[in-house]
Amino acid sequence: MKKVLITGANSYVGNAFKRWVESHHTDDIFVDMVGMRKGEWKAISFEWYDVILHAAGIAHVSTDKSMEDLYYKVNTDLTAEVAAKAKQSGVKQFIFLSSMIVYGDATNARFITADTVPNPTNFYGDSKLQAENKLAELADEMFMVANVRPPMIYGKGSKGNYVKLAGLAQKIPFFPSYQNKRSMIHIDNLSEFLARIVLNGDSGTFHPQNKEYVCTTDLVSTIGSIHGNTVRRIGLFNGVIDKLIDRNVTVNKLFGDFSYAKELSVYRDEYCVRSFEESIVETEKN
């Protein structure tokens, strides 16, 4: 049995992973959690654990320059500190929850392949990339590092852009019929992927995603239908969207392409336990 310590007691991914393991991998994985904000992690021994899943961190993009130092302190420096303790304690595997944002965003990285070089456009993405670089300095045959770069994560209890879209989808009568391609991952799919990484003892850089790409229009329509709201699709604004998509942040977030090549997300084990439609139903049901 693999013994996993999750750093970040308030982490959405960490808590979801714990619930998933306790429901689906009770014979294979044991999970503990430890808080970070008050330095709790410093007071406990890591020596009993096989794996550290480092889920702690500031998880959302900010444009507030006053927050920049904090992002690097938490996402970069703290990650390196925890990893150094893990290595010194004899932990065999360190899994770091990074982000697709290390490549930038829909303005400069619309379709990401194995040849795409990380090029973050904000300090959130750069803080994650710098953490990966520090982990690379610690990694060796006895200390396996796995960097996981998920796209937008969604599911029951998630925060961020998905929640805003879901609220919109329940109220609006129509939405632009604009075709775009986004990579996303449901929390159950990500949790199963992390479980497989643990069980296989893998190292390297990973790009998990749902099997299906997501079009924003389809997403809004699907969420609306679950709540009994029929959202009409109209193409009236497509010309305006085309002109604004590289100039306006909000338009870019809604309708820009930002996706992984499918082959980048292939893994030796199946981890997509929910289809796109199933995942939306699971997320939106009471």
Protein backbone atom coordinates (compact mmCIF):
# COMPACT_ATOMS: atom_id res chain seq x y z
CA MET A 1 0.00 0.00 0.00
CA LYS A 2 1.26 3.47 -0.93
CA LYS A 3 1.17 6.03 1.89
CA VAL A 4 0.47 9.55 0.60
CA LEU A 5 0.68 12.85 2.46
CA ILE A 6 -1.26 15.71 0.86
CA THR A 7 0.02 19.19 1.65
CA GLY A 8 -2.73 21.80 1.78
CA ALA A 9 -5.63 21.03 4.10
CA ASN A 10 -7.84 23.53 2.26
CA SER A 11 -6.88 22.41 -1.25
CA TYR A 12 -9.84 21.64 -3.53
CA VAL A 13 -7.83 19.06 -5.47
CA GLY A 14 -6.27 17.61 -2.32
CA ASN A 15 -9.59 17.08 -0.57
CA ALA A 16 -11.21 15.68 -3.71
CA PHE A 17 -8.31 13.26 -4.19
CA LYS A 18 -8.63 12.09 -0.60
CA ARG A 19 -12.36 11.40 -1.02
CA TRP A 20 -11.74 9.61 -4.33
CA VAL A 21 -9.04 7.36 -2.89
CA GLU A 22 -11.17 6.52 0.14
CA SER A 23 -13.98 5.47 -2.21
CA HIS A 24 -12.05 3.76 -5.01
CA HIS A 25 -8.53 2.81 -3.87
CA THR A 26 -8.86 1.85 -0.21
CA ASP A 27 -6.78 -1.31 -0.68
CA ASP A 28 -3.97 0.42 -2.55
CA ILE A 29 -3.51 3.95 -1.19
CA PHE A 30 -3.61 5.47 2.30
CA VAL A 31 -3.98 9.24 2.50
CA ASP A 32 -3.17 11.82 5.17
CA MET A 33 -3.40 15.60 4.93
CA VAL A 34 -1.43 18.37 6.58
CA GLY A 35 -2.02 22.11 6.72
CA MET A 36 0.49 24.66 5.49
CA ARG A 37 -0.70 28.11 6.54
CA LYS A 38 0.49 27.90 10.15
CA GLY A 39 3.54 25.80 9.41
CA GLU A 40 1.94 22.53 10.52
CA TRP A 41 3.93 20.63 7.88
CA LYS A 42 7.18 21.54 9.61
CA ALA A 43 6.13 19.83 12.83
CA ILE A 44 5.43 16.36 11.41
CA SER A 45 7.76 13.68 10.12
CA PHE A 46 7.66 12.79 6.42
CA GLU A 47 9.61 9.57 6.95
CA TRP A 48 6.54 7.32 7.13
CA TYR A 49 5.24 8.38 3.70
CA ASP A 50 6.05 7.05 0.26
CA VAL A 51 4.58 10.01 -1.63
CA ILE A 52 4.02 13.72 -1.07
CA LEU A 53 1.22 15.21 -3.16
CA HIS A 54 1.92 18.92 -3.01
CA ALA A 55 -1.47 20.50 -3.65
CA ALA A 56 -0.92 23.63 -1.55
CA GLY A 57 -0.57 26.92 -3.38
CA ILE A 58 -2.32 29.99 -4.70
CA ALA A 59 -4.46 28.52 -7.44
CA HIS A 60 -5.84 31.39 -9.49
CA VAL A 61 -4.46 34.05 -11.80
CA SER A 62 -4.21 37.54 -10.36
CA THR A 63 -3.37 40.84 -12.04
CA ASP A 64 -2.78 42.56 -8.70
CA LYS A 65 0.94 43.42 -8.71
CA SER A 66 0.91 43.70 -4.91
CA MET A 67 0.30 39.93 -4.81
CA GLU A 68 3.31 39.02 -6.95
CA ASP A 69 5.80 38.39 -4.13
CA LEU A 70 3.26 36.22 -2.30
CA TYR A 71 2.74 34.04 -5.38
CA TYR A 72 6.46 33.32 -5.62
CA LYS A 73 6.77 32.81 -1.87
CA VAL A 74 3.93 30.26 -1.78
CA ASN A 75 3.98 28.64 -5.22
CA THR A 76 7.74 28.56 -5.74
CA ASP A 77 9.73 28.86 -2.52
CA LEU A 78 7.38 26.87 -0.29
CA THR A 79 7.21 24.07 -2.87
CA ALA A 80 11.00 23.83 -2.88
CA GLU A 81 11.12 23.79 0.93
CA VAL A 82 8.58 20.98 1.19
CA ALA A 83 10.34 18.98 -1.52
CA ALA A 84 13.73 19.38 0.18
CA LYS A 85 12.28 18.05 3.44
CA ALA A 86 10.65 15.18 1.56
CA LYS A 87 13.92 14.18 -0.09
CA GLN A 88 15.85 14.42 3.15
CA SER A 89 13.19 12.24 4.82
CA GLY A 90 13.53 9.47 2.26
CA VAL A 91 10.22 10.06 0.47
CA LYS A 92 10.35 8.25 -2.87
CA GLN A 93 7.97 10.37 -4.97
CA PHE A 94 6.98 14.03 -5.01
CA ILE A 95 3.92 14.99 -7.07
CA PHE A 96 3.59 18.70 -7.81
CA LEU A 97 0.28 20.17 -8.90
CA SER A 98 1.43 22.65 -11.52
CA SER A 99 -0.78 24.21 -14.20
CA MET A 100 -1.41 24.51 -17.93
CA ILE A 101 -0.82 28.23 -17.37
CA VAL A 102 2.95 27.64 -17.50
CA TYR A 103 2.48 27.75 -21.29
CA GLY A 104 0.76 31.13 -21.17
CA ASP A 105 -2.88 31.55 -22.12
CA ALA A 106 -5.16 31.66 -25.14
CA THR A 107 -3.31 34.72 -26.48
CA ASN A 108 0.03 32.96 -26.99
CA ALA A 109 -0.50 29.20 -26.60
CA ARG A 110 -3.69 28.19 -28.37
CA PHE A 111 -2.68 24.61 -29.17
CA ILE A 112 -0.01 22.96 -27.04
CA THR A 113 2.05 20.05 -28.31
CA ALA A 114 5.14 18.23 -27.06
CA ASP A 115 7.23 20.87 -28.86
CA THR A 116 5.57 23.87 -27.19
CA VAL A 117 7.96 25.67 -24.84
CA PRO A 118 6.49 27.04 -21.59
CA ASN A 119 6.03 30.80 -21.84
CA PRO A 120 3.95 32.13 -18.94
CA THR A 121 2.26 35.49 -19.39
CA ASN A 122 1.61 36.20 -15.70
CA PHE A 123 3.30 35.69 -12.35
CA TYR A 124 0.96 32.85 -11.41
CA GLY A 125 2.18 30.78 -14.35
CA ASP A 126 5.78 31.84 -13.85
CA SER A 127 5.68 30.97 -10.14
CA LYS A 128 4.56 27.44 -11.05
CA LEU A 129 7.23 27.11 -13.73
CA GLN A 130 9.94 28.33 -11.37
CA ALA A 131 8.79 25.72 -8.85
CA GLU A 132 9.16 23.02 -11.49
CA ASN A 133 12.69 24.24 -12.20
CA LYS A 134 13.61 24.04 -8.50
CA LEU A 135 12.17 20.52 -8.29
CA ALA A 136 14.28 19.48 -11.27
CA GLU A 137 17.38 20.35 -9.23
CA LEU A 138 16.27 17.96 -6.48
CA ALA A 139 15.08 15.08 -8.65
CA ASP A 140 17.17 11.92 -8.99
CA GLU A 141 16.73 8.15 -9.16
CA MET A 142 15.87 7.99 -5.45
CA PHE A 143 13.58 11.05 -5.46
CA MET A 144 11.09 10.88 -8.31
CA VAL A 145 9.37 14.15 -9.25
CA ALA A 146 6.10 14.23 -11.19
CA ASN A 147 4.89 17.62 -12.44
CA VAL A 148 1.19 17.55 -13.31
CA ARG A 149 -0.05 20.41 -15.52
CA PRO A 150 -3.85 20.16 -15.60
CA PRO A 151 -6.02 22.50 -17.66
CA MET A 152 -9.08 24.14 -16.06
CA ILE A 153 -10.32 21.90 -13.24
CA TYR A 154 -14.03 21.75 -12.52
CA GLY A 155 -16.44 19.72 -10.44
CA LYS A 156 -18.75 19.91 -7.45
CA GLY A 157 -17.50 22.66 -5.17
CA SER A 158 -14.97 24.07 -7.63
CA LYS A 159 -14.28 27.78 -7.95
CA GLY A 160 -13.22 30.13 -10.72
CA ASN A 161 -14.46 30.61 -14.26
CA TYR A 162 -16.58 27.45 -14.40
CA VAL A 163 -18.77 28.66 -11.54
CA LYS A 164 -19.29 32.01 -13.25
CA LEU A 165 -20.29 30.33 -16.51
CA ALA A 166 -22.61 27.93 -14.68
CA GLY A 167 -24.41 30.80 -13.01
CA LEU A 168 -24.75 32.57 -16.35
CA ALA A 169 -26.03 29.44 -18.10
CA GLN A 170 -28.98 29.15 -15.74
CA LYS A 171 -30.27 32.65 -16.52
CA ILE A 172 -29.48 33.81 -20.05
CA PRO A 173 -31.88 33.20 -22.97
CA PHE A 174 -29.15 33.10 -25.66
CA PHE A 175 -25.38 32.82 -26.09
CA PRO A 176 -22.99 33.38 -29.01
CA SER A 177 -22.64 30.32 -31.25
CA TYR A 178 -18.86 30.52 -31.49
CA GLN A 179 -16.66 27.50 -32.08
CA ASN A 180 -13.58 27.25 -29.90
CA LYS A 181 -11.56 24.43 -28.37
CA ARG A 182 -10.62 24.25 -24.71
CA SER A 183 -8.97 21.54 -22.65
CA MET A 184 -10.63 20.89 -19.29
CA ILE A 185 -10.55 18.13 -16.70
CA HIS A 186 -13.23 17.00 -14.28
CA ILE A 187 -12.05 16.56 -10.71
CA ASP A 188 -12.84 12.83 -10.71
CA ASN A 189 -10.74 12.31 -13.85
CA LEU A 190 -7.87 14.26 -12.29
CA SER A 191 -8.17 12.34 -9.02
CA GLU A 192 -8.01 9.00 -10.83
CA PHE A 193 -5.03 10.23 -12.84
CA LEU A 194 -3.20 11.22 -9.64
CA ALA A 195 -4.01 7.83 -8.13
CA ARG A 196 -2.47 6.12 -11.17
CA ILE A 197 0.66 8.28 -10.91
CA VAL A 198 0.98 7.21 -7.27
CA LEU A 199 0.41 3.51 -7.94
CA ASN A 200 2.85 3.45 -10.85
CA GLY A 201 5.49 5.55 -9.10
CA ASP A 202 5.92 7.72 -12.18
CA SER A 203 8.16 10.72 -12.70
CA GLY A 204 8.17 13.33 -15.47
CA THR A 205 5.77 15.97 -16.72
CA PHE A 206 2.13 15.11 -17.35
CA HIS A 207 -0.76 16.84 -19.13
CA PRO A 208 -4.04 15.11 -18.18
CA GLN A 209 -7.31 16.26 -19.72
CA ASN A 210 -10.83 15.03 -20.46
CA LYS A 211 -11.16 12.89 -23.57
CA GLU A 212 -13.32 15.58 -25.19
CA TYR A 213 -12.38 19.15 -26.01
CA VAL A 214 -14.92 21.68 -24.77
CA CYS A 215 -16.55 24.46 -26.75
CA THR A 216 -17.74 27.29 -24.48
CA THR A 217 -21.08 27.48 -26.29
CA ASP A 218 -21.67 23.75 -25.79
CA LEU A 219 -20.69 24.05 -22.13
CA VAL A 220 -23.16 26.87 -21.46
CA SER A 221 -25.91 25.07 -23.40
CA THR A 222 -25.35 21.79 -21.52
CA ILE A 223 -25.35 23.43 -18.10
CA GLY A 224 -28.46 25.42 -18.98
CA SER A 225 -30.36 22.33 -20.13
CA ILE A 226 -29.60 20.50 -16.88
CA HIS A 227 -31.28 23.35 -15.02
CA GLY A 228 -34.22 23.55 -17.41
CA ASN A 229 -33.00 26.64 -19.23
CA THR A 230 -32.87 26.35 -23.03
CA VAL A 231 -30.04 28.60 -24.21
CA ARG A 232 -30.47 29.65 -27.84
CA ARG A 233 -27.28 29.83 -29.92
CA ILE A 234 -26.89 32.89 -32.11
CA GLY A 235 -24.09 33.75 -34.55
CA LEU A 236 -24.84 37.47 -34.62
CA PHE A 237 -21.78 38.45 -32.55
CA ASN A 238 -19.19 36.17 -34.15
CA GLY A 239 -17.60 38.95 -36.20
CA VAL A 240 -17.19 41.11 -33.11
CA ILE A 241 -15.70 38.19 -31.17
CA ASP A 242 -13.18 37.58 -33.96
CA LYS A 243 -11.98 41.18 -33.71
CA LEU A 244 -11.83 41.26 -29.89
CA ILE A 245 -10.51 37.80 -29.09
CA ASP A 246 -6.84 38.88 -29.01
CA ARG A 247 -7.53 42.32 -27.57
CA ASN A 248 -9.99 41.81 -24.74
CA VAL A 249 -9.14 39.61 -21.73
CA THR A 250 -12.75 38.61 -20.99
CA VAL A 251 -13.53 37.71 -24.61
CA ASN A 252 -10.30 35.77 -24.82
CA LYS A 253 -11.11 33.77 -21.67
CA LEU A 254 -14.57 32.94 -22.97
CA PHE A 255 -13.92 32.18 -26.61
CA GLY A 256 -10.18 31.75 -27.17
CA ASP A 257 -8.68 28.36 -28.04
CA PHE A 258 -6.48 26.88 -25.31
CA SER A 259 -5.95 23.16 -25.60
CA TYR A 260 -3.51 20.27 -25.32
CA ALA A 261 -2.88 18.00 -28.27
CA LYS A 262 -4.64 14.71 -27.50
CA GLU A 263 -1.45 12.68 -27.75
CA LEU A 264 0.12 14.82 -25.01
CA SER A 265 -2.44 13.47 -22.53
CA VAL A 266 -2.15 9.77 -23.36
CA TYR A 267 -1.24 7.67 -20.31
CA ARG A 268 -0.62 3.97 -19.92
CA ASP A 269 -3.71 3.54 -17.72
CA GLU A 270 -7.21 4.81 -18.40
CA TYR A 271 -8.04 7.69 -16.09
CA CYS A 272 -11.07 9.39 -17.66
CA VAL A 273 -13.79 7.85 -15.54
CA ARG A 274 -16.39 10.43 -16.59
CA SER A 275 -17.35 11.68 -20.04
CA PHE A 276 -17.92 15.40 -20.57
CA GLU A 277 -21.72 15.16 -20.31
CA GLU A 278 -21.55 12.86 -17.28
CA SER A 279 -19.15 15.24 -15.57
CA ILE A 280 -21.43 18.24 -16.10
CA VAL A 281 -24.41 16.35 -14.72
CA GLU A 282 -22.33 15.24 -11.71
CA THR A 283 -21.15 18.79 -11.12
CA GLU A 284 -24.55 20.47 -11.46
CA LYS A 285 -26.81 17.97 -9.67
CA ASN A 286 -28.05 18.88 -6.20
